[in-house]
């Protein structure tokens, strides 16, 4: 079953931190690279970060590099996104899904675009 459930969003002040969780069905979460995406109102969905199936390699969009950290716990079929130094521009609905992996590297491109989860809302505001 192709299913992802995002959680951990909320309201935080600029400069604050949040940790998002992505729970995937076991078959998917252990065997695929996983990526985080976000979509703000009126904007296209954009890739934020990805992590390969083994957890050994990661990739970040320039807008979040050095502020966000993606990690995974395959035993729990869960991928995390630690977000630090949050800015108002980070306010979005955040989604996770399986992404492409090749030669040990991931690309923040969804394997499927027809089965997004509900996402989790992140609002950065004072």
Foldseek 3Di string as FASTA:
>chain_A
DFDKDKDWADEAAQQAKTKMKIATDLVFLQQFKKWKWWDAPPGDIGTAKIAGNVRPDMDGDPVQPPFWDWGDDSVRSMIMIIGGRDDQVPWTFMWMGGFDDDPRDTDRDHPDDPHTDPGHTHGYHD
